[in-house]
Amino acid sequence: MPNLKDLKNRIASVKSTRKITKAMQMVAAAKLRRAQDAAEAARPYAEKMEAVMSGLAQSVGNSDGAPRLLAGTGKSDVHLLVVMTAERGLCGGFNSTIVRKARAQVETLRAQGKTVKILTVGKKGREQLKRDHADKFVGHVDLSDVKRLGYADAARIASNVLGRFDAGEFDVATIFFNRFQSVISQIPTATQIIPAQFDTPDAGQDSGSLYDYEPSEEAVLEDLLPRGVATQIFTALLENAASEQGARMSAMDNATRNAGDMIERLTIEYNRSRQAVITNELIEIISGAEAL
């Protein structure tokens, strides 16, 4: 049984930890509101842009003038996985769920005989993936100095990816991130961004273009597709930011509750040990008095 001093020190230590986790929970809650608003505000723009590009893609089809970002390279031998995680930990399983989905994709592609390359965004994903897949790393994007995500950050990542595609380094690119649903629910998501993929129109819906484009649909689509890649990456970054704060808020709330439970158990143990010490001292005093 630990002595009273050890128990008292441990109770004080857990109380200090509880103060830290409670403070982190409150900070995450404040950041979550801004991050959630940003993610939700970006969704309509991303959806409308995808709808416009989808209509153009349906019109252009598989014509010889189709942009390379839509038509692809004609093969799918080399895959680039853009794994987007957080720069910091203490956010529950947020980073692990993304990495787990990326690892499953790596294993699936390797089983198919494909070559896999990995571009990491965020330190935590890189730390987890380097244990088994360090030989597949081709680059890393550090966002640790970014206080508030902006479109310029997404454009920088998109420029990196598009430059590698133009150089012929890969055939297919997929981004991995967590889509924010609620504080306790974030959905690991994999989205192919190169070649561009669009949802098939519903049955009976007019798949043709509703507008006349100048100079041509192919030219407009060729200009929009790189912007579309940047928009998808920006949306993923915002969804990740909201998911990270939601996961951290939930994790710190659980940690605070667990610390409270531990303090109660240690306090009970401390009181029992203290009572036992007092009882032993009384027995010794009574025994000494009786001996006299």
Protein backbone atom coordinates (compact mmCIF):
# COMPACT_ATOMS: atom_id res chain seq x y z
CA MET A 1 0.00 0.00 0.00
CA PRO A 2 1.47 3.41 -0.96
CA ASN A 3 2.18 5.79 1.89
CA LEU A 4 0.16 8.92 2.55
CA LYS A 5 2.70 11.28 1.00
CA ASP A 6 2.75 9.34 -2.28
CA LEU A 7 -1.06 9.34 -2.44
CA LYS A 8 -1.23 13.05 -1.66
CA ASN A 9 1.32 13.83 -4.39
CA ARG A 10 -0.53 11.69 -6.89
CA ILE A 11 -3.87 13.39 -6.12
CA ALA A 12 -2.24 16.80 -6.61
CA SER A 13 -0.71 15.62 -9.90
CA VAL A 14 -4.02 14.34 -11.27
CA LYS A 15 -5.76 17.58 -10.24
CA SER A 16 -3.15 19.56 -12.19
CA THR A 17 -3.70 17.30 -15.21
CA ARG A 18 -7.46 17.80 -14.94
CA LYS A 19 -7.00 21.57 -15.04
CA ILE A 20 -4.95 21.24 -18.24
CA THR A 21 -7.43 18.91 -19.98
CA LYS A 22 -10.34 21.15 -18.97
CA ALA A 23 -8.57 24.20 -20.38
CA MET A 24 -7.77 22.34 -23.63
CA GLN A 25 -11.40 21.29 -23.90
CA MET A 26 -12.57 24.90 -23.60
CA VAL A 27 -10.02 26.11 -26.17
CA ALA A 28 -11.03 23.33 -28.59
CA ALA A 29 -14.70 24.26 -28.14
CA ALA A 30 -13.95 27.89 -29.05
CA LYS A 31 -11.89 26.87 -32.09
CA LEU A 32 -14.47 24.31 -33.17
CA ARG A 33 -17.15 26.95 -33.71
CA ARG A 34 -14.94 28.94 -36.12
CA ALA A 35 -13.67 25.80 -37.88
CA GLN A 36 -17.17 24.35 -38.24
CA ASP A 37 -18.53 27.61 -39.65
CA ALA A 38 -15.66 27.75 -42.17
CA ALA A 39 -16.19 24.14 -43.27
CA GLU A 40 -19.94 24.56 -43.67
CA ALA A 41 -19.53 27.83 -45.55
CA ALA A 42 -17.15 26.21 -48.05
CA ARG A 43 -19.43 23.27 -48.87
CA PRO A 44 -21.95 25.12 -51.12
CA TYR A 45 -19.13 26.68 -53.17
CA ALA A 46 -17.38 23.32 -53.59
CA GLU A 47 -20.65 21.58 -54.51
CA LYS A 48 -21.61 24.25 -57.07
CA MET A 49 -18.17 24.22 -58.66
CA GLU A 50 -18.28 20.44 -58.88
CA ALA A 51 -21.71 20.64 -60.50
CA VAL A 52 -20.44 23.09 -63.15
CA MET A 53 -17.38 20.96 -63.91
CA SER A 54 -19.52 17.82 -63.94
CA GLY A 55 -21.79 19.35 -66.59
CA LEU A 56 -18.79 20.37 -68.68
CA ALA A 57 -17.22 16.94 -68.28
CA GLN A 58 -20.43 15.29 -69.46
CA SER A 59 -20.43 17.51 -72.55
CA VAL A 60 -16.76 17.03 -73.34
CA GLY A 61 -16.91 13.31 -72.67
CA ASN A 62 -14.01 11.30 -74.05
CA SER A 63 -13.26 13.64 -76.93
CA ASP A 64 -9.72 14.13 -78.14
CA GLY A 65 -9.76 17.66 -76.74
CA ALA A 66 -10.56 16.55 -73.19
CA PRO A 67 -8.09 18.04 -70.65
CA ARG A 68 -5.45 15.72 -69.25
CA LEU A 69 -6.69 16.24 -65.69
CA LEU A 70 -10.02 14.75 -66.81
CA ALA A 71 -8.87 12.11 -69.25
CA GLY A 72 -5.87 11.00 -67.17
CA THR A 73 -2.74 9.40 -68.51
CA GLY A 74 -4.52 6.38 -69.89
CA LYS A 75 -3.16 4.09 -67.16
CA SER A 76 -3.27 3.67 -63.39
CA ASP A 77 0.09 2.14 -62.55
CA VAL A 78 1.36 4.78 -60.08
CA HIS A 79 -0.86 6.15 -57.31
CA LEU A 80 -0.14 9.23 -55.20
CA LEU A 81 -1.82 9.22 -51.78
CA VAL A 82 -2.11 12.66 -50.17
CA VAL A 83 -2.60 11.90 -46.48
CA MET A 84 -3.87 14.94 -44.58
CA THR A 85 -3.65 14.82 -40.77
CA ALA A 86 -3.06 17.20 -37.87
CA GLU A 87 0.15 18.85 -36.76
CA ARG A 88 -0.64 18.13 -33.10
CA GLY A 89 -1.88 15.19 -31.07
CA LEU A 90 -4.20 14.89 -28.08
CA CYS A 91 -7.24 14.60 -30.36
CA GLY A 92 -8.35 11.03 -29.77
CA GLY A 93 -8.40 8.77 -32.81
CA PHE A 94 -8.57 11.62 -35.34
CA ASN A 95 -5.14 10.98 -36.89
CA SER A 96 -5.25 7.20 -36.52
CA THR A 97 -8.49 6.80 -38.48
CA ILE A 98 -7.08 8.68 -41.47
CA VAL A 99 -3.80 6.76 -41.38
CA ARG A 100 -5.67 3.46 -41.03
CA LYS A 101 -7.71 4.19 -44.16
CA ALA A 102 -4.56 5.20 -46.06
CA ARG A 103 -2.75 2.02 -44.97
CA ALA A 104 -5.68 -0.11 -46.15
CA GLN A 105 -5.51 1.63 -49.53
CA VAL A 106 -1.76 1.04 -49.73
CA GLU A 107 -2.23 -2.68 -49.10
CA THR A 108 -5.03 -2.90 -51.67
CA LEU A 109 -2.95 -1.16 -54.35
CA ARG A 110 0.14 -3.25 -53.61
CA ALA A 111 -1.95 -6.42 -53.93
CA GLN A 112 -2.96 -5.18 -57.39
CA GLY A 113 0.67 -4.67 -58.36
CA LYS A 114 0.46 -0.86 -58.34
CA THR A 115 3.25 1.53 -57.32
CA VAL A 116 2.35 3.74 -54.36
CA LYS A 117 3.76 7.17 -53.47
CA ILE A 118 2.79 9.14 -50.37
CA LEU A 119 2.65 12.90 -49.86
CA THR A 120 1.91 13.81 -46.23
CA VAL A 121 0.22 16.98 -44.97
CA GLY A 122 0.56 17.22 -41.20
CA LYS A 123 3.24 15.87 -38.89
CA LYS A 124 1.19 13.22 -37.07
CA GLY A 125 0.29 11.27 -40.20
CA ARG A 126 3.91 11.27 -41.32
CA GLU A 127 5.07 9.96 -37.94
CA GLN A 128 2.65 7.04 -38.07
CA LEU A 129 3.19 6.12 -41.71
CA LYS A 130 7.00 6.23 -41.64
CA ARG A 131 7.11 3.08 -39.52
CA ASP A 132 6.01 0.91 -42.42
CA HIS A 133 6.01 3.10 -45.54
CA ALA A 134 8.92 5.54 -45.21
CA ASP A 135 10.29 4.28 -48.55
CA LYS A 136 7.15 5.53 -50.31
CA PHE A 137 7.40 9.16 -49.12
CA VAL A 138 7.90 11.70 -51.90
CA GLY A 139 7.21 14.90 -49.97
CA HIS A 140 5.77 16.61 -46.92
CA VAL A 141 3.78 19.82 -46.39
CA ASP A 142 4.29 21.50 -43.02
CA LEU A 143 1.36 23.61 -41.79
CA SER A 144 2.55 23.99 -38.20
CA ASP A 145 3.10 27.74 -38.63
CA VAL A 146 -0.36 28.33 -40.15
CA LYS A 147 -2.69 29.91 -37.58
CA ARG A 148 -5.77 30.05 -39.80
CA LEU A 149 -6.14 28.02 -42.97
CA GLY A 150 -6.66 29.95 -46.18
CA TYR A 151 -7.11 29.15 -49.85
CA ALA A 152 -3.44 30.03 -50.43
CA ASP A 153 -2.41 27.03 -48.29
CA ALA A 154 -4.57 24.72 -50.40
CA ALA A 155 -3.26 26.30 -53.61
CA ARG A 156 0.30 25.58 -52.47
CA ILE A 157 -0.50 21.91 -51.92
CA ALA A 158 -2.42 21.74 -55.22
CA SER A 159 0.54 23.29 -57.05
CA ASN A 160 2.78 20.59 -55.57
CA VAL A 161 0.43 17.80 -56.69
CA LEU A 162 -0.22 19.26 -60.15
CA GLY A 163 3.50 19.80 -60.72
CA ARG A 164 4.18 16.15 -59.97
CA PHE A 165 1.36 15.11 -62.31
CA ASP A 166 2.70 17.28 -65.15
CA ALA A 167 6.14 15.74 -64.56
CA GLY A 168 4.64 12.26 -65.01
CA GLU A 169 5.36 11.11 -61.44
CA PHE A 170 1.95 9.46 -60.98
CA ASP A 171 -1.25 8.51 -62.77
CA VAL A 172 -3.88 8.74 -60.03
CA ALA A 173 -4.03 11.02 -56.96
CA THR A 174 -6.27 10.50 -53.92
CA ILE A 175 -6.63 12.67 -50.82
CA PHE A 176 -7.38 11.26 -47.36
CA PHE A 177 -9.03 13.33 -44.64
CA ASN A 178 -11.80 13.31 -42.03
CA ARG A 179 -15.16 14.80 -43.01
CA PHE A 180 -16.77 16.63 -40.11
CA GLN A 181 -20.21 15.36 -39.11
CA SER A 182 -20.48 16.22 -35.41
CA VAL A 183 -18.34 16.63 -32.31
CA ILE A 184 -18.34 12.87 -31.74
CA SER A 185 -18.43 11.75 -35.36
CA GLN A 186 -15.81 12.33 -38.06
CA ILE A 187 -15.90 10.24 -41.22
CA PRO A 188 -12.58 9.03 -42.74
CA THR A 189 -12.84 9.89 -46.43
CA ALA A 190 -10.82 9.10 -49.55
CA THR A 191 -11.49 11.25 -52.63
CA GLN A 192 -9.83 10.86 -56.03
CA ILE A 193 -8.84 14.26 -57.39
CA ILE A 194 -6.75 13.23 -60.44
CA PRO A 195 -8.14 12.22 -62.89
CA ALA A 196 -11.24 14.19 -61.92
CA GLN A 197 -14.27 12.10 -61.04
CA PHE A 198 -17.85 13.35 -60.92
CA ASP A 199 -21.11 11.80 -59.81
CA THR A 200 -23.25 10.34 -62.56
CA PRO A 201 -26.37 12.44 -63.19
CA ASP A 202 -29.68 11.00 -62.02
CA ALA A 203 -31.83 9.15 -64.51
CA GLY A 204 -33.81 11.52 -66.64
CA GLN A 205 -31.64 14.50 -65.76
CA ASP A 206 -30.25 16.50 -68.67
CA SER A 207 -26.52 15.79 -68.74
CA GLY A 208 -25.85 18.40 -71.40
CA SER A 209 -24.58 21.88 -70.70
CA LEU A 210 -27.16 24.53 -69.81
CA TYR A 211 -24.82 27.34 -70.87
CA ASP A 212 -22.83 28.44 -73.90
CA TYR A 213 -19.13 28.73 -73.11
CA GLU A 214 -16.50 30.82 -74.80
CA PRO A 215 -13.94 30.14 -76.16
CA SER A 216 -14.96 26.45 -75.80
CA GLU A 217 -16.11 23.96 -73.22
CA GLU A 218 -12.74 22.16 -73.39
CA ALA A 219 -10.81 25.38 -72.77
CA VAL A 220 -13.02 26.44 -69.87
CA LEU A 221 -12.82 22.98 -68.30
CA GLU A 222 -9.05 22.93 -68.69
CA ASP A 223 -8.88 26.19 -66.73
CA LEU A 224 -11.39 25.06 -64.08
CA LEU A 225 -9.91 21.64 -63.33
CA PRO A 226 -6.74 22.91 -61.58
CA ARG A 227 -8.93 25.28 -59.57
CA GLY A 228 -11.16 22.32 -58.80
CA VAL A 229 -8.21 20.36 -57.42
CA ALA A 230 -7.28 23.30 -55.18
CA THR A 231 -10.91 23.69 -54.09
CA GLN A 232 -11.18 20.02 -53.15
CA ILE A 233 -7.96 20.23 -51.15
CA PHE A 234 -9.13 23.43 -49.45
CA THR A 235 -12.45 21.82 -48.54
CA ALA A 236 -10.61 18.79 -47.16
CA LEU A 237 -8.35 21.04 -45.06
CA LEU A 238 -11.37 22.84 -43.60
CA GLU A 239 -13.19 19.59 -42.89
CA ASN A 240 -10.05 18.25 -41.24
CA ALA A 241 -9.67 21.37 -39.10
CA ALA A 242 -13.24 21.10 -37.81
CA SER A 243 -12.89 17.35 -37.26
CA GLU A 244 -9.62 17.82 -35.36
CA GLN A 245 -11.14 20.34 -32.93
CA GLY A 246 -14.25 18.21 -32.48
CA ALA A 247 -12.14 15.13 -31.76
CA ARG A 248 -9.88 17.09 -29.38
CA MET A 249 -12.87 18.54 -27.53
CA SER A 250 -14.37 15.07 -27.09
CA ALA A 251 -11.03 13.52 -26.07
CA MET A 252 -10.27 16.24 -23.50
CA ASP A 253 -13.80 15.96 -22.08
CA ASN A 254 -13.27 12.22 -21.58
CA ALA A 255 -9.84 12.86 -20.07
CA THR A 256 -11.30 15.41 -17.64
CA ARG A 257 -14.01 12.99 -16.56
CA ASN A 258 -11.50 10.17 -16.13
CA ALA A 259 -9.25 12.44 -14.05
CA GLY A 260 -12.20 13.27 -11.81
CA ASP A 261 -12.96 9.57 -11.32
CA MET A 262 -9.32 8.86 -10.52
CA ILE A 263 -9.22 11.70 -7.97
CA GLU A 264 -12.27 10.25 -6.23
CA ARG A 265 -10.71 6.76 -6.07
CA LEU A 266 -7.37 8.12 -4.83
CA THR A 267 -9.12 10.30 -2.24
CA ILE A 268 -10.99 7.27 -0.88
CA GLU A 269 -7.75 5.28 -0.77
CA TYR A 270 -5.98 8.20 0.94
CA ASN A 271 -8.70 8.50 3.59
CA ARG A 272 -8.64 4.76 4.26
CA SER A 273 -4.86 4.73 4.54
CA ARG A 274 -4.96 7.78 6.83
CA GLN A 275 -7.60 6.13 9.02
CA ALA A 276 -5.50 2.97 9.19
CA VAL A 277 -2.46 4.99 10.31
CA ILE A 278 -4.51 6.76 12.99
CA THR A 279 -5.95 3.45 14.20
CA ASN A 280 -2.48 1.91 14.46
CA GLU A 281 -1.21 4.91 16.42
CA LEU A 282 -4.14 4.65 18.85
CA ILE A 283 -3.50 0.94 19.32
CA GLU A 284 0.14 1.65 20.07
CA ILE A 285 -0.79 4.34 22.63
CA ILE A 286 -3.34 2.10 24.36
CA SER A 287 -0.93 -0.83 24.39
CA GLY A 288 1.79 1.37 25.90
CA ALA A 289 -0.59 2.67 28.58
CA GLU A 290 -1.69 -0.83 29.48
CA ALA A 291 1.95 -1.95 29.74
CA LEU A 292 2.53 0.71 32.40
